[in-house]
Amino acid sequence: MGVYADRGNMIALVARCLRSGIGCQVTAIGIGDRLPAEADLVLIGGGQDREQRRIAGELAGRGALLREWAEQGAAMLAVCGGFQLFGRSYRTAAGDELPGVGIFDAVTVAPGPGWQRCIGDVLARAEIEGVGEVVGFENHGGRTYLGPRARPFAQVLYGYGNNGDDGAEGALAGAAIGTYLHGSVLPKNPALTDHLLRAALRHRYGDGGAELLALDDPYAERAHRAAAAVARQRGRARAAVRW
């Protein structure tokens, strides 16, 4: 799955590796394909209910290996529909109960017709040291609720987040990140890109085995600040209209 340009997350990671002199191998997995024996970083994007129904059973069948990777410290980024399916379950707007992989202690329910979708720019403060503010675009009907074994990826400053009520955005489980942020999210947030790559390097080489050198990239930082400013401005405008 990969709507709303989620493929850009993979492109951003590969580009960052190339600029840092780090070799990487990308394996695309489709329906019916076998998972590789090991992985340092896993990406899954978003999709509509139809696509989620197509892959949910097969994905859950691979859950044991995916959970093993997560428990061993592999980095993961699950976006929107991928985030929902990496939780415990997802109930679609049609009432179908889709099994989840169970990496995140989270359940998602799509209320169905008549309920407002969560759409718009999001600005949030990440619960990861060194990442700071993250910006992206959300478009989801499902409401996600975290269980006691989960903690949010970020706290919403502007936008809806997981459900529009509790201020949480996404989820964290070890080095796995679930989020509703499209954009693509990684090109807009270079600090988050670096965080994921450092986690992948630790998984591959252990602590101190390989280092991701800081890059002086003023264009990436300026782009991040500009996107955050737009999200902040639009968020304030929405709040003023609601008031």
Protein backbone atom coordinates (compact mmCIF):
# COMPACT_ATOMS: atom_id res chain seq x y z
CA MET A 1 0.00 0.00 0.00
CA GLY A 2 1.16 3.52 -0.63
CA VAL A 3 -1.44 6.21 -1.30
CA TYR A 4 -0.71 9.93 -0.90
CA ALA A 5 2.90 9.52 -2.08
CA ASP A 6 4.02 7.28 0.80
CA ARG A 7 6.59 5.83 -1.62
CA GLY A 8 8.48 9.07 -1.03
CA ASN A 9 9.49 7.74 2.40
CA MET A 10 11.55 4.99 0.80
CA ILE A 11 13.05 7.46 -1.68
CA ALA A 12 14.06 9.78 1.17
CA LEU A 13 15.72 6.96 3.13
CA VAL A 14 17.67 5.69 0.11
CA ALA A 15 18.79 9.22 -0.78
CA ARG A 16 19.98 9.81 2.79
CA CYS A 17 21.94 6.55 2.73
CA LEU A 18 23.60 7.45 -0.57
CA ARG A 19 24.61 10.89 0.68
CA SER A 20 26.12 9.28 3.78
CA GLY A 21 27.99 6.52 1.94
CA ILE A 22 25.81 3.79 3.43
CA GLY A 23 24.90 0.85 1.22
CA CYS A 24 21.31 -0.36 1.32
CA GLN A 25 19.21 -3.00 -0.37
CA VAL A 26 15.50 -2.40 -0.96
CA THR A 27 13.11 -5.34 -1.30
CA ALA A 28 9.54 -4.64 -2.45
CA ILE A 29 6.97 -7.10 -1.09
CA GLY A 30 3.64 -7.73 -2.79
CA ILE A 31 0.74 -10.09 -2.23
CA GLY A 32 2.01 -13.66 -2.30
CA ASP A 33 5.68 -12.68 -1.98
CA ARG A 34 7.79 -14.20 0.77
CA LEU A 35 9.34 -11.97 3.38
CA PRO A 36 13.14 -11.93 3.45
CA ALA A 37 14.91 -13.78 6.23
CA GLU A 38 15.84 -10.51 7.92
CA ALA A 39 15.24 -6.78 7.67
CA ASP A 40 16.66 -3.70 9.36
CA LEU A 41 13.88 -1.31 8.37
CA VAL A 42 10.28 -1.99 7.33
CA LEU A 43 7.99 0.48 5.54
CA ILE A 44 4.28 0.15 4.88
CA GLY A 45 2.10 2.94 3.52
CA GLY A 46 -1.58 3.74 3.52
CA GLY A 47 -4.48 2.37 1.52
CA GLN A 48 -8.24 2.40 1.23
CA ASP A 49 -10.46 -0.17 2.96
CA ARG A 50 -10.55 -2.26 -0.22
CA GLU A 51 -6.76 -2.62 -0.28
CA GLN A 52 -6.65 -3.25 3.45
CA ARG A 53 -9.16 -6.09 3.13
CA ARG A 54 -7.02 -7.63 0.37
CA ILE A 55 -3.86 -7.78 2.44
CA ALA A 56 -5.05 -8.01 6.06
CA GLY A 57 -5.23 -11.80 6.28
CA GLU A 58 -1.89 -12.39 4.60
CA LEU A 59 -0.24 -9.66 6.65
CA ALA A 60 -1.59 -11.10 9.90
CA GLY A 61 -0.27 -14.50 8.82
CA ARG A 62 3.19 -12.98 8.69
CA GLY A 63 2.66 -11.31 12.03
CA ALA A 64 4.91 -13.64 14.02
CA LEU A 65 7.97 -12.76 11.92
CA LEU A 66 7.13 -9.05 11.85
CA ARG A 67 6.69 -8.99 15.63
CA GLU A 68 9.97 -10.85 16.03
CA TRP A 69 11.74 -8.22 13.93
CA ALA A 70 10.15 -5.45 16.01
CA GLU A 71 11.12 -7.11 19.29
CA GLN A 72 14.70 -7.43 18.01
CA GLY A 73 14.85 -3.69 17.35
CA ALA A 74 14.23 -3.41 13.61
CA ALA A 75 13.12 0.08 12.60
CA MET A 76 9.58 0.34 11.21
CA LEU A 77 7.42 3.09 9.78
CA ALA A 78 3.73 2.26 9.29
CA VAL A 79 1.63 5.05 7.79
CA CYS A 80 -2.16 5.48 7.96
CA GLY A 81 -3.73 2.21 6.74
CA GLY A 82 -0.45 0.44 7.43
CA PHE A 83 -0.49 1.84 10.97
CA GLN A 84 -4.04 0.55 11.43
CA LEU A 85 -3.07 -2.96 10.28
CA PHE A 86 0.05 -2.97 12.47
CA GLY A 87 -2.25 -2.50 15.47
CA ARG A 88 -4.43 -5.22 16.99
CA SER A 89 -7.48 -4.80 14.77
CA TYR A 90 -9.31 -2.50 12.38
CA ARG A 91 -13.07 -2.37 11.97
CA THR A 92 -13.95 -0.87 8.59
CA ALA A 93 -16.82 1.49 7.83
CA ALA A 94 -18.69 -1.51 6.41
CA GLY A 95 -18.31 -3.37 9.71
CA ASP A 96 -15.62 -5.83 8.62
CA GLU A 97 -13.23 -6.76 11.44
CA LEU A 98 -9.72 -6.99 10.00
CA PRO A 99 -6.99 -8.71 12.05
CA GLY A 100 -3.89 -6.72 12.86
CA VAL A 101 -0.24 -7.67 13.19
CA GLY A 102 -0.16 -6.61 16.84
CA ILE A 103 3.04 -4.59 16.86
CA PHE A 104 1.16 -1.64 18.34
CA ASP A 105 -1.30 -1.98 21.23
CA ALA A 106 -3.97 -0.10 19.32
CA VAL A 107 -7.41 -0.66 17.83
CA THR A 108 -9.02 1.33 15.03
CA VAL A 109 -12.70 1.80 14.30
CA ALA A 110 -14.13 3.57 11.23
CA PRO A 111 -17.45 5.11 12.35
CA GLY A 112 -18.91 5.02 8.84
CA PRO A 113 -21.15 7.39 6.85
CA GLY A 114 -22.17 10.60 8.53
CA TRP A 115 -18.92 11.00 10.44
CA GLN A 116 -16.39 13.63 9.47
CA ARG A 117 -13.07 12.41 8.09
CA CYS A 118 -9.91 13.68 9.72
CA ILE A 119 -8.38 15.73 6.91
CA GLY A 120 -5.79 18.49 6.88
CA ASP A 121 -2.31 19.56 7.80
CA VAL A 122 -0.90 18.29 11.09
CA LEU A 123 1.77 19.78 13.30
CA ALA A 124 2.80 17.67 16.29
CA ARG A 125 5.64 17.37 18.78
CA ALA A 126 7.35 13.99 18.57
CA GLU A 127 7.85 11.94 21.74
CA ILE A 128 11.31 10.99 20.43
CA GLU A 129 14.36 12.84 21.69
CA GLY A 130 15.99 14.96 19.02
CA VAL A 131 13.14 14.82 16.51
CA GLY A 132 11.18 17.86 17.66
CA GLU A 133 8.17 19.02 15.68
CA VAL A 134 6.86 16.83 12.87
CA VAL A 135 4.60 17.95 10.06
CA GLY A 136 2.44 16.08 7.57
CA PHE A 137 -1.00 15.69 6.04
CA GLU A 138 -3.71 13.39 7.38
CA ASN A 139 -6.74 11.96 5.60
CA HIS A 140 -8.43 9.11 7.46
CA GLY A 141 -11.88 8.05 8.55
CA GLY A 142 -10.73 5.54 11.16
CA ARG A 143 -10.30 6.52 14.80
CA THR A 144 -7.36 4.86 16.53
CA TYR A 145 -7.20 4.32 20.29
CA LEU A 146 -4.03 3.28 22.08
CA GLY A 147 -4.00 0.59 24.75
CA PRO A 148 -1.98 0.65 28.00
CA ARG A 149 1.10 -0.90 26.36
CA ALA A 150 1.34 1.81 23.71
CA ARG A 151 2.53 5.37 23.82
CA PRO A 152 1.93 8.04 21.19
CA PHE A 153 4.50 8.92 18.57
CA ALA A 154 3.65 12.60 18.99
CA GLN A 155 1.34 15.07 20.69
CA VAL A 156 -0.87 17.07 18.32
CA LEU A 157 -0.42 20.84 18.20
CA TYR A 158 -2.67 21.39 15.19
CA GLY A 159 -4.78 18.75 13.46
CA TYR A 160 -6.76 15.67 14.51
CA GLY A 161 -4.22 12.92 15.15
CA ASN A 162 -5.38 9.42 16.00
CA ASN A 163 -8.99 10.24 16.82
CA GLY A 164 -9.46 13.99 17.21
CA ASP A 165 -10.13 13.67 20.94
CA ASP A 166 -7.13 12.69 23.06
CA GLY A 167 -4.33 14.66 21.35
CA ALA A 168 -2.30 11.59 20.48
CA GLU A 169 -0.71 11.07 17.06
CA GLY A 170 0.51 7.64 16.02
CA ALA A 171 2.18 5.10 18.27
CA LEU A 172 5.61 3.89 19.33
CA ALA A 173 6.75 0.34 20.05
CA GLY A 174 10.50 0.00 20.39
CA ALA A 175 11.97 1.27 17.12
CA ALA A 176 8.60 0.94 15.34
CA ILE A 177 6.63 4.09 14.53
CA GLY A 178 3.00 4.23 13.50
CA THR A 179 1.58 7.51 12.21
CA TYR A 180 -1.22 9.07 10.18
CA LEU A 181 1.18 11.59 8.62
CA HIS A 182 1.45 11.54 4.84
CA GLY A 183 3.30 14.14 2.86
CA SER A 184 5.43 12.11 2.30
CA VAL A 185 6.31 12.41 5.97
CA LEU A 186 10.06 11.67 5.80
CA PRO A 187 11.04 14.23 3.14
CA LYS A 188 9.24 16.85 5.23
CA ASN A 189 10.95 15.76 8.46
CA PRO A 190 14.69 15.11 8.03
CA ALA A 191 15.24 14.57 11.76
CA LEU A 192 12.71 11.72 11.70
CA THR A 193 14.43 10.23 8.65
CA ASP A 194 17.74 10.24 10.50
CA HIS A 195 16.14 8.72 13.60
CA LEU A 196 14.84 5.76 11.59
CA LEU A 197 18.16 5.22 9.84
CA ARG A 198 20.08 5.30 13.13
CA ALA A 199 17.69 2.69 14.52
CA ALA A 200 18.22 0.52 11.43
CA LEU A 201 22.00 0.85 11.75
CA ARG A 202 21.86 -0.16 15.43
CA HIS A 203 19.82 -3.19 14.47
CA ARG A 204 22.36 -4.19 11.84
CA TYR A 205 25.65 -3.35 13.57
CA GLY A 206 24.87 -2.83 17.25
CA ASP A 207 25.61 0.24 19.33
CA GLY A 208 28.68 2.03 18.02
CA GLY A 209 29.01 -0.29 15.05
CA ALA A 210 28.11 2.30 12.42
CA GLU A 211 27.41 6.01 12.64
CA LEU A 212 25.12 8.20 10.59
CA LEU A 213 27.00 11.43 10.15
CA ALA A 214 25.09 14.68 10.45
CA LEU A 215 24.51 16.39 7.12
CA ASP A 216 24.57 20.14 6.71
CA ASP A 217 21.45 20.45 4.56
CA PRO A 218 19.95 23.92 4.97
CA TYR A 219 17.45 23.30 2.16
CA ALA A 220 15.90 20.33 3.94
CA GLU A 221 15.67 22.27 7.20
CA ARG A 222 14.16 25.29 5.46
CA ALA A 223 11.60 23.07 3.74
CA HIS A 224 10.69 21.51 7.09
CA ARG A 225 10.27 24.91 8.75
CA ALA A 226 8.18 26.18 5.83
CA ALA A 227 5.87 23.14 5.96
CA ALA A 228 5.52 23.52 9.73
CA ALA A 229 4.68 27.22 9.35
CA VAL A 230 1.94 26.41 6.82
CA ALA A 231 0.47 23.72 9.11
CA ARG A 232 0.55 26.12 12.06
CA GLN A 233 -1.12 28.90 10.07
CA ARG A 234 -3.86 26.65 8.69
CA GLY A 235 -4.39 25.06 12.09
CA ARG A 236 -4.94 28.45 13.70
CA ALA A 237 -7.35 29.40 10.92
CA ARG A 238 -9.39 26.20 11.47
CA ALA A 239 -9.46 26.82 15.21
CA ALA A 240 -10.71 30.37 14.66
CA VAL A 241 -13.50 29.15 12.38
CA ARG A 242 -14.59 26.49 14.90
CA TRP A 243 -14.65 29.06 17.67
